[in-house]
PDB file of N, CA and C in Angstrom:
ATOM      1  N   MET A   1     151.501 170.890  74.885  1.00  0.00           N
ATOM      2  CA  MET A   1     150.173 170.994  74.324  1.00  0.00           C
ATOM      3  C   MET A   1     149.344 169.771  74.742  1.00  0.00           C
ATOM      4  N   ILE A   2     148.110 169.993  75.117  1.00  0.00           N
ATOM      5  CA  ILE A   2     147.232 168.912  75.551  1.00  0.00           C
ATOM      6  C   ILE A   2     146.507 168.337  74.341  1.00  0.00           C
ATOM      7  N   GLU A   3     146.487 167.029  74.258  1.00  0.00           N
ATOM      8  CA  GLU A   3     145.793 166.380  73.155  1.00  0.00           C
ATOM      9  C   GLU A   3     144.280 166.520  73.321  1.00  0.00           C
ATOM     10  N   GLU A   4     143.562 166.531  72.192  1.00  0.00           N
ATOM     11  CA  GLU A   4     142.115 166.720  72.226  1.00  0.00           C
ATOM     12  C   GLU A   4     141.409 165.608  72.993  1.00  0.00           C
ATOM     13  N   ASN A   5     141.862 164.370  72.869  1.00  0.00           N
ATOM     14  CA  ASN A   5     141.195 163.278  73.584  1.00  0.00           C
ATOM     15  C   ASN A   5     141.366 163.396  75.095  1.00  0.00           C
ATOM     16  N   LYS A   6     142.432 164.025  75.553  1.00  0.00           N
ATOM     17  CA  LYS A   6     142.600 164.246  76.992  1.00  0.00           C
ATOM     18  C   LYS A   6     141.632 165.317  77.480  1.00  0.00           C
ATOM     19  N   ILE A   7     141.359 166.307  76.637  1.00  0.00           N
ATOM     20  CA  ILE A   7     140.396 167.351  77.016  1.00  0.00           C
ATOM     21  C   ILE A   7     139.001 166.750  77.126  1.00  0.00           C
ATOM     22  N   LYS A   8     138.639 165.878  76.186  1.00  0.00           N
ATOM     23  CA  LYS A   8     137.319 165.247  76.222  1.00  0.00           C
ATOM     24  C   LYS A   8     137.144 164.369  77.454  1.00  0.00           C
ATOM     25  N   ASN A   9     138.229 163.748  77.904  1.00  0.00           N
ATOM     26  CA  ASN A   9     138.174 162.860  79.056  1.00  0.00           C
ATOM     27  C   ASN A   9     138.701 163.524  80.312  1.00  0.00           C
ATOM     28  N   ILE A  10     138.609 164.821  80.371  1.00  0.00           N
ATOM     29  CA  ILE A  10     139.182 165.562  81.496  1.00  0.00           C
ATOM     30  C   ILE A  10     138.568 165.073  82.805  1.00  0.00           C
ATOM     31  N   GLY A  11     139.378 164.985  83.805  1.00  0.00           N
ATOM     32  CA  GLY A  11     138.923 164.486  85.089  1.00  0.00           C
ATOM     33  C   GLY A  11     139.205 163.006  85.263  1.00  0.00           C
ATOM     34  N   THR A  12     139.486 162.317  84.185  1.00  0.00           N
ATOM     35  CA  THR A  12     139.838 160.908  84.279  1.00  0.00           C
ATOM     36  C   THR A  12     141.346 160.775  84.302  1.00  0.00           C
ATOM     37  N   LYS A  13     141.801 159.663  84.740  1.00  0.00           N
ATOM     38  CA  LYS A  13     143.226 159.354  84.770  1.00  0.00           C
ATOM     39  C   LYS A  13     144.029 160.363  85.589  1.00  0.00           C
ATOM     40  N   GLY A  14     143.419 160.975  86.588  1.00  0.00           N
ATOM     41  CA  GLY A  14     144.151 161.849  87.480  1.00  0.00           C
ATOM     42  C   GLY A  14     144.338 163.278  87.020  1.00  0.00           C
ATOM     43  N   PHE A  15     143.763 163.674  85.896  1.00  0.00           N
ATOM     44  CA  PHE A  15     143.892 165.052  85.446  1.00  0.00           C
ATOM     45  C   PHE A  15     142.988 165.944  86.289  1.00  0.00           C
ATOM     46  N   PRO A  16     143.511 167.024  86.841  1.00  0.00           N
ATOM     47  CA  PRO A  16     142.667 167.922  87.635  1.00  0.00           C
ATOM     48  C   PRO A  16     141.720 168.698  86.720  1.00  0.00           C
ATOM     49  N   TYR A  17     140.573 169.057  87.241  1.00  0.00           N
ATOM     50  CA  TYR A  17     139.632 169.848  86.462  1.00  0.00           C
ATOM     51  C   TYR A  17     138.775 170.680  87.398  1.00  0.00           C
ATOM     52  N   ALA A  18     138.153 171.697  86.818  1.00  0.00           N
ATOM     53  CA  ALA A  18     137.231 172.543  87.571  1.00  0.00           C
ATOM     54  C   ALA A  18     135.966 172.711  86.754  1.00  0.00           C
ATOM     55  N   THR A  19     134.871 172.920  87.421  1.00  0.00           N
ATOM     56  CA  THR A  19     133.617 173.165  86.714  1.00  0.00           C
ATOM     57  C   THR A  19     133.173 174.584  86.989  1.00  0.00           C
ATOM     58  N   ALA A  20     132.373 175.110  86.091  1.00  0.00           N
ATOM     59  CA  ALA A  20     131.883 176.474  86.239  1.00  0.00           C
ATOM     60  C   ALA A  20     130.819 176.539  87.322  1.00  0.00           C
ATOM     61  N   GLY A  21     130.857 177.588  88.116  1.00  0.00           N
ATOM     62  CA  GLY A  21     129.847 177.797  89.143  1.00  0.00           C
ATOM     63  C   GLY A  21     130.034 176.879  90.336  1.00  0.00           C
ATOM     64  N   MET A  22     129.141 177.015  91.286  1.00  0.00           N
ATOM     65  CA  MET A  22     129.199 176.181  92.481  1.00  0.00           C
ATOM     66  C   MET A  22     128.177 175.074  92.355  1.00  0.00           C
ATOM     67  N   LYS A  23     128.634 173.863  92.270  1.00  0.00           N
ATOM     68  CA  LYS A  23     127.728 172.724  92.128  1.00  0.00           C
ATOM     69  C   LYS A  23     127.194 172.259  93.480  1.00  0.00           C
ATOM     70  N   ALA A  24     127.967 172.417  94.537  1.00  0.00           N
ATOM     71  CA  ALA A  24     127.578 171.868  95.836  1.00  0.00           C
ATOM     72  C   ALA A  24     126.486 172.684  96.519  1.00  0.00           C
ATOM     73  N   LEU A  25     126.464 173.983  96.319  1.00  0.00           N
ATOM     74  CA  LEU A  25     125.527 174.849  97.023  1.00  0.00           C
ATOM     75  C   LEU A  25     124.581 175.499  96.023  1.00  0.00           C
ATOM     76  N   GLU A  26     123.316 175.267  96.194  1.00  0.00           N
ATOM     77  CA  GLU A  26     122.341 175.915  95.326  1.00  0.00           C
ATOM     78  C   GLU A  26     122.065 177.303  95.876  1.00  0.00           C
ATOM     79  N   ARG A  27     122.499 178.300  95.167  1.00  0.00           N
ATOM     80  CA  ARG A  27     122.360 179.681  95.637  1.00  0.00           C
ATOM     81  C   ARG A  27     120.934 180.184  95.535  1.00  0.00           C
ATOM     82  N   SER A  28     120.125 179.532  94.743  1.00  0.00           N
ATOM     83  CA  SER A  28     118.754 179.993  94.602  1.00  0.00           C
ATOM     84  C   SER A  28     117.986 179.932  95.916  1.00  0.00           C
ATOM     85  N   SER A  29     118.500 179.206  96.885  1.00  0.00           N
ATOM     86  CA  SER A  29     117.805 179.110  98.163  1.00  0.00           C
ATOM     87  C   SER A  29     117.893 180.404  98.977  1.00  0.00           C
ATOM     88  N   TRP A  30     118.901 181.237  98.724  1.00  0.00           N
ATOM     89  CA  TRP A  30     119.027 182.489  99.478  1.00  0.00           C
ATOM     90  C   TRP A  30     119.066 183.723  98.588  1.00  0.00           C
ATOM     91  N   ARG A  31     118.972 183.550  97.289  1.00  0.00           N
ATOM     92  CA  ARG A  31     118.999 184.672  96.351  1.00  0.00           C
ATOM     93  C   ARG A  31     117.723 185.507  96.504  1.00  0.00           C
ATOM     94  N   VAL A  32     117.839 186.824  96.405  1.00  0.00           N
ATOM     95  CA  VAL A  32     116.702 187.730  96.552  1.00  0.00           C
ATOM     96  C   VAL A  32     116.107 188.105  95.200  1.00  0.00           C
ATOM     97  N   GLN A  33     116.952 188.245  94.189  1.00  0.00           N
ATOM     98  CA  GLN A  33     116.473 188.617  92.862  1.00  0.00           C
ATOM     99  C   GLN A  33     117.132 187.746  91.797  1.00  0.00           C
ATOM    100  N   LYS A  34     116.459 187.617  90.652  1.00  0.00           N
ATOM    101  CA  LYS A  34     116.979 186.788  89.571  1.00  0.00           C
ATOM    102  C   LYS A  34     116.949 187.564  88.258  1.00  0.00           C
ATOM    103  N   PRO A  35     117.867 187.247  87.338  1.00  0.00           N
ATOM    104  CA  PRO A  35     117.882 187.929  86.050  1.00  0.00           C
ATOM    105  C   PRO A  35     116.825 187.355  85.113  1.00  0.00           C
ATOM    106  N   VAL A  36     116.156 188.253  84.398  1.00  0.00           N
ATOM    107  CA  VAL A  36     115.189 187.863  83.382  1.00  0.00           C
ATOM    108  C   VAL A  36     115.602 188.557  82.092  1.00  0.00           C
ATOM    109  N   ILE A  37     115.760 187.777  81.019  1.00  0.00           N
ATOM    110  CA  ILE A  37     116.265 188.308  79.755  1.00  0.00           C
ATOM    111  C   ILE A  37     115.123 188.487  78.762  1.00  0.00           C
ATOM    112  N   ASP A  38     115.070 189.669  78.141  1.00  0.00           N
ATOM    113  CA  ASP A  38     114.133 189.938  77.054  1.00  0.00           C
ATOM    114  C   ASP A  38     114.866 189.620  75.753  1.00  0.00           C
ATOM    115  N   TYR A  39     114.592 188.457  75.187  1.00  0.00           N
ATOM    116  CA  TYR A  39     115.328 187.995  74.012  1.00  0.00           C
ATOM    117  C   TYR A  39     115.004 188.786  72.746  1.00  0.00           C
ATOM    118  N   LYS A  40     113.946 189.586  72.774  1.00  0.00           N
ATOM    119  CA  LYS A  40     113.646 190.454  71.626  1.00  0.00           C
ATOM    120  C   LYS A  40     114.647 191.604  71.542  1.00  0.00           C
ATOM    121  N   LYS A  41     115.209 191.994  72.683  1.00  0.00           N
ATOM    122  CA  LYS A  41     116.198 193.079  72.725  1.00  0.00           C
ATOM    123  C   LYS A  41     117.639 192.567  72.645  1.00  0.00           C
ATOM    124  N   CYS A  42     117.857 191.307  73.000  1.00  0.00           N
ATOM    125  CA  CYS A  42     119.213 190.747  73.109  1.00  0.00           C
ATOM    126  C   CYS A  42     119.933 190.765  71.753  1.00  0.00           C
ATOM    127  N   ILE A  43     121.183 191.241  71.761  1.00  0.00           N
ATOM    128  CA  ILE A  43     121.991 191.295  70.535  1.00  0.00           C
ATOM    129  C   ILE A  43     123.086 190.228  70.535  1.00  0.00           C
ATOM    130  N   LYS A  44     123.033 189.302  71.467  1.00  0.00           N
ATOM    131  CA  LYS A  44     123.973 188.189  71.571  1.00  0.00           C
ATOM    132  C   LYS A  44     125.423 188.662  71.713  1.00  0.00           C
ATOM    133  N   CYS A  45     125.635 189.682  72.516  1.00  0.00           N
ATOM    134  CA  CYS A  45     126.984 190.204  72.729  1.00  0.00           C
ATOM    135  C   CYS A  45     127.758 189.374  73.754  1.00  0.00           C
ATOM    136  N   HIS A  46     127.042 188.610  74.565  1.00  0.00           N
ATOM    137  CA  HIS A  46     127.604 187.724  75.584  1.00  0.00           C
ATOM    138  C   HIS A  46     128.323 188.461  76.716  1.00  0.00           C
ATOM    139  N   THR A  47     127.993 189.728  76.902  1.00  0.00           N
ATOM    140  CA  THR A  47     128.581 190.498  78.001  1.00  0.00           C
ATOM    141  C   THR A  47     128.191 189.888  79.346  1.00  0.00           C
ATOM    142  N   CYS A  48     126.957 189.448  79.473  1.00  0.00           N
ATOM    143  CA  CYS A  48     126.497 188.835  80.725  1.00  0.00           C
ATOM    144  C   CYS A  48     127.288 187.570  81.020  1.00  0.00           C
ATOM    145  N   TRP A  49     127.505 186.761  80.016  1.00  0.00           N
ATOM    146  CA  TRP A  49     128.270 185.517  80.151  1.00  0.00           C
ATOM    147  C   TRP A  49     129.716 185.816  80.553  1.00  0.00           C
ATOM    148  N   LEU A  50     130.279 186.833  79.947  1.00  0.00           N
ATOM    149  CA  LEU A  50     131.670 187.187  80.187  1.00  0.00           C
ATOM    150  C   LEU A  50     131.898 187.756  81.593  1.00  0.00           C
ATOM    151  N   LEU A  51     130.983 188.595  82.072  1.00  0.00           N
ATOM    152  CA  LEU A  51     131.177 189.296  83.337  1.00  0.00           C
ATOM    153  C   LEU A  51     130.617 188.584  84.564  1.00  0.00           C
ATOM    154  N   CYS A  52     129.838 187.551  84.385  1.00  0.00           N
ATOM    155  CA  CYS A  52     129.237 186.851  85.526  1.00  0.00           C
ATOM    156  C   CYS A  52     130.321 186.247  86.414  1.00  0.00           C
ATOM    157  N   PRO A  53     130.386 186.661  87.686  1.00  0.00           N
ATOM    158  CA  PRO A  53     131.441 186.157  88.566  1.00  0.00           C
ATOM    159  C   PRO A  53     131.261 184.690  88.961  1.00  0.00           C
ATOM    160  N   ASP A  54     130.079 184.131  88.722  1.00  0.00           N
ATOM    161  CA  ASP A  54     129.803 182.751  89.118  1.00  0.00           C
ATOM    162  C   ASP A  54     129.647 181.815  87.935  1.00  0.00           C
ATOM    163  N   SER A  55     129.904 182.301  86.737  1.00  0.00           N
ATOM    164  CA  SER A  55     129.744 181.494  85.521  1.00  0.00           C
ATOM    165  C   SER A  55     128.350 180.878  85.466  1.00  0.00           C
ATOM    166  N   ALA A  56     127.350 181.676  85.790  1.00  0.00           N
ATOM    167  CA  ALA A  56     125.978 181.184  85.829  1.00  0.00           C
ATOM    168  C   ALA A  56     125.310 181.183  84.458  1.00  0.00           C
ATOM    169  N   TYR A  57     125.944 181.798  83.465  1.00  0.00           N
ATOM    170  CA  TYR A  57     125.349 181.868  82.138  1.00  0.00           C
ATOM    171  C   TYR A  57     125.871 180.776  81.228  1.00  0.00           C
ATOM    172  N   GLU A  58     124.959 180.239  80.422  1.00  0.00           N
ATOM    173  CA  GLU A  58     125.295 179.256  79.405  1.00  0.00           C
ATOM    174  C   GLU A  58     124.830 179.802  78.060  1.00  0.00           C
ATOM    175  N   ILE A  59     125.511 179.434  76.990  1.00  0.00           N
ATOM    176  CA  ILE A  59     125.158 179.895  75.648  1.00  0.00           C
ATOM    177  C   ILE A  59     124.546 178.723  74.891  1.00  0.00           C
ATOM    178  N   ASP A  60     123.350 178.935  74.334  1.00  0.00           N
ATOM    179  CA  ASP A  60     122.701 177.852  73.590  1.00  0.00           C
ATOM    180  C   ASP A  60     123.217 177.812  72.148  1.00  0.00           C
ATOM    181  N   ASN A  61     122.717 176.882  71.368  1.00  0.00           N
ATOM    182  CA  ASN A  61     123.213 176.718  70.002  1.00  0.00           C
ATOM    183  C   ASN A  61     122.778 177.836  69.058  1.00  0.00           C
ATOM    184  N   LYS A  62     121.861 178.693  69.477  1.00  0.00           N
ATOM    185  CA  LYS A  62     121.461 179.851  68.676  1.00  0.00           C
ATOM    186  C   LYS A  62     122.230 181.106  69.064  1.00  0.00           C
ATOM    187  N   GLY A  63     123.075 181.014  70.084  1.00  0.00           N
ATOM    188  CA  GLY A  63     123.887 182.140  70.512  1.00  0.00           C
ATOM    189  C   GLY A  63     123.303 182.964  71.635  1.00  0.00           C
ATOM    190  N   TYR A  64     122.142 182.575  72.150  1.00  0.00           N
ATOM    191  CA  TYR A  64     121.530 183.292  73.269  1.00  0.00           C
ATOM    192  C   TYR A  64     122.080 182.775  74.594  1.00  0.00           C
ATOM    193  N   THR A  65     122.144 183.651  75.569  1.00  0.00           N
ATOM    194  CA  THR A  65     122.597 183.243  76.896  1.00  0.00           C
ATOM    195  C   THR A  65     121.401 182.960  77.792  1.00  0.00           C
ATOM    196  N   HIS A  66     121.594 182.031  78.711  1.00  0.00           N
ATOM    197  CA  HIS A  66     120.559 181.655  79.672  1.00  0.00           C
ATOM    198  C   HIS A  66     121.207 181.557  81.043  1.00  0.00           C
ATOM    199  N   ALA A  67     120.581 182.161  82.033  1.00  0.00           N
ATOM    200  CA  ALA A  67     121.112 182.114  83.398  1.00  0.00           C
ATOM    201  C   ALA A  67     120.691 180.818  84.066  1.00  0.00           C
ATOM    202  N   ASN A  68     121.642 180.148  84.686  1.00  0.00           N
ATOM    203  CA  ASN A  68     121.363 178.943  85.453  1.00  0.00           C
ATOM    204  C   ASN A  68     120.894 179.386  86.838  1.00  0.00           C
ATOM    205  N   GLY A  69     119.636 179.157  87.120  1.00  0.00           N
ATOM    206  CA  GLY A  69     119.042 179.612  88.370  1.00  0.00           C
ATOM    207  C   GLY A  69     119.617 178.985  89.618  1.00  0.00           C
ATOM    208  N   LYS A  70     120.248 177.824  89.487  1.00  0.00           N
ATOM    209  CA  LYS A  70     120.834 177.173  90.655  1.00  0.00           C
ATOM    210  C   LYS A  70     122.201 177.737  91.003  1.00  0.00           C
ATOM    211  N   VAL A  71     122.848 178.408  90.055  1.00  0.00           N
ATOM    212  CA  VAL A  71     124.195 178.941  90.279  1.00  0.00           C
ATOM    213  C   VAL A  71     124.171 180.456  90.498  1.00  0.00           C
ATOM    214  N   CYS A  72     123.243 181.156  89.866  1.00  0.00           N
ATOM    215  CA  CYS A  72     123.158 182.616  89.952  1.00  0.00           C
ATOM    216  C   CYS A  72     122.887 183.067  91.383  1.00  0.00           C
ATOM    217  N   LYS A  73     123.653 184.065  91.838  1.00  0.00           N
ATOM    218  CA  LYS A  73     123.439 184.585  93.187  1.00  0.00           C
ATOM    219  C   LYS A  73     122.643 185.887  93.187  1.00  0.00           C
ATOM    220  N   GLY A  74     122.294 186.411  92.004  1.00  0.00           N
ATOM    221  CA  GLY A  74     121.467 187.610  91.926  1.00  0.00           C
ATOM    222  C   GLY A  74     122.209 188.902  92.146  1.00  0.00           C
ATOM    223  N   CYS A  75     123.473 188.970  91.774  1.00  0.00           N
ATOM    224  CA  CYS A  75     124.291 190.162  92.039  1.00  0.00           C
ATOM    225  C   CYS A  75     123.986 191.324  91.087  1.00  0.00           C
ATOM    226  N   ALA A  76     123.336 191.065  89.959  1.00  0.00           N
ATOM    227  CA  ALA A  76     122.913 192.070  88.979  1.00  0.00           C
ATOM    228  C   ALA A  76     124.045 192.673  88.151  1.00  0.00           C
ATOM    229  N   ILE A  77     125.232 192.087  88.181  1.00  0.00           N
ATOM    230  CA  ILE A  77     126.317 192.580  87.334  1.00  0.00           C
ATOM    231  C   ILE A  77     125.922 192.471  85.871  1.00  0.00           C
ATOM    232  N   CYS A  78     125.230 191.411  85.510  1.00  0.00           N
ATOM    233  CA  CYS A  78     124.800 191.219  84.124  1.00  0.00           C
ATOM    234  C   CYS A  78     123.838 192.325  83.691  1.00  0.00           C
ATOM    235  N   ALA A  79     122.877 192.646  84.523  1.00  0.00           N
ATOM    236  CA  ALA A  79     121.877 193.657  84.182  1.00  0.00           C
ATOM    237  C   ALA A  79     122.478 195.055  84.085  1.00  0.00           C
ATOM    238  N   VAL A  80     123.386 195.370  84.973  1.00  0.00           N
ATOM    239  CA  VAL A  80     124.016 196.694  84.983  1.00  0.00           C
ATOM    240  C   VAL A  80     124.894 196.904  83.758  1.00  0.00           C
ATOM    241  N   ASN A  81     125.563 195.844  83.307  1.00  0.00           N
ATOM    242  CA  ASN A  81     126.513 195.970  82.211  1.00  0.00           C
ATOM    243  C   ASN A  81     125.966 195.621  80.836  1.00  0.00           C
ATOM    244  N   CYS A  82     124.727 195.201  80.741  1.00  0.00           N
ATOM    245  CA  CYS A  82     124.134 194.866  79.443  1.00  0.00           C
ATOM    246  C   CYS A  82     124.021 196.129  78.592  1.00  0.00           C
ATOM    247  N   PRO A  83     124.639 196.146  77.392  1.00  0.00           N
ATOM    248  CA  PRO A  83     124.635 197.368  76.580  1.00  0.00           C
ATOM    249  C   PRO A  83     123.261 197.764  76.043  1.00  0.00           C
ATOM    250  N   VAL A  84     122.337 196.815  75.909  1.00  0.00           N
ATOM    251  CA  VAL A  84     121.005 197.129  75.383  1.00  0.00           C
ATOM    252  C   VAL A  84     119.920 197.016  76.458  1.00  0.00           C
ATOM    253  N   HIS A  85     120.327 196.792  77.692  1.00  0.00           N
ATOM    254  CA  HIS A  85     119.415 196.717  78.850  1.00  0.00           C
ATOM    255  C   HIS A  85     118.294 195.692  78.639  1.00  0.00           C
ATOM    256  N   CYS A  86     118.670 194.517  78.153  1.00  0.00           N
ATOM    257  CA  CYS A  86     117.668 193.472  77.954  1.00  0.00           C
ATOM    258  C   CYS A  86     117.511 192.576  79.191  1.00  0.00           C
ATOM    259  N   ILE A  87     118.355 192.785  80.198  1.00  0.00           N
ATOM    260  CA  ILE A  87     118.272 191.988  81.422  1.00  0.00           C
ATOM    261  C   ILE A  87     117.715 192.851  82.544  1.00  0.00           C
ATOM    262  N   THR A  88     116.660 192.370  83.156  1.00  0.00           N
ATOM    263  CA  THR A  88     116.093 193.041  84.323  1.00  0.00           C
ATOM    264  C   THR A  88     116.156 192.082  85.498  1.00  0.00           C
ATOM    265  N   MET A  89     116.242 192.627  86.667  1.00  0.00           N
ATOM    266  CA  MET A  89     116.279 191.804  87.879  1.00  0.00           C
ATOM    267  C   MET A  89     114.887 191.805  88.491  1.00  0.00           C
ATOM    268  N   GLU A  90     114.349 190.608  88.694  1.00  0.00           N
ATOM    269  CA  GLU A  90     113.039 190.461  89.310  1.00  0.00           C
ATOM    270  C   GLU A  90     113.180 189.804  90.671  1.00  0.00           C
ATOM    271  N   ARG A  91     112.349 190.236  91.574  1.00  0.00           N
ATOM    272  CA  ARG A  91     112.375 189.698  92.942  1.00  0.00           C
ATOM    273  C   ARG A  91     111.897 188.250  92.944  1.00  0.00           C
ATOM    274  N   GLU A  92     112.610 187.427  93.717  1.00  0.00           N
ATOM    275  CA  GLU A  92     112.211 186.016  93.876  1.00  0.00           C
ATOM    276  C   GLU A  92     110.915 185.938  94.671  1.00  0.00           C
ATOM    277  N   HIS A  93     110.173 184.903  94.452  1.00  0.00           N
ATOM    278  CA  HIS A  93     108.892 184.728  95.170  1.00  0.00           C
ATOM    279  C   HIS A  93     109.120 184.129  96.526  1.00  0.00           C
TER     280      HIS A  93
END
């Protein structure tokens, strides 16, 4: 079992770690479409967060999810699988 203080200091003292999404490459430079969430329809089911292949979604302290535009590749898995269809894909400018 890992101690809690080791989890807080992960990455130090030689412990391997991974971060969510791709930090080195900003995908927004080649993405064609981006997710836009209608928070009036959102039921906080976190399906988008769970199914995102790039871990581009973050959950705020109110329970809403937000897509990180630098990590999202615009694959639309979140929009297709949203049970209340609160996510739409909009074309990048």
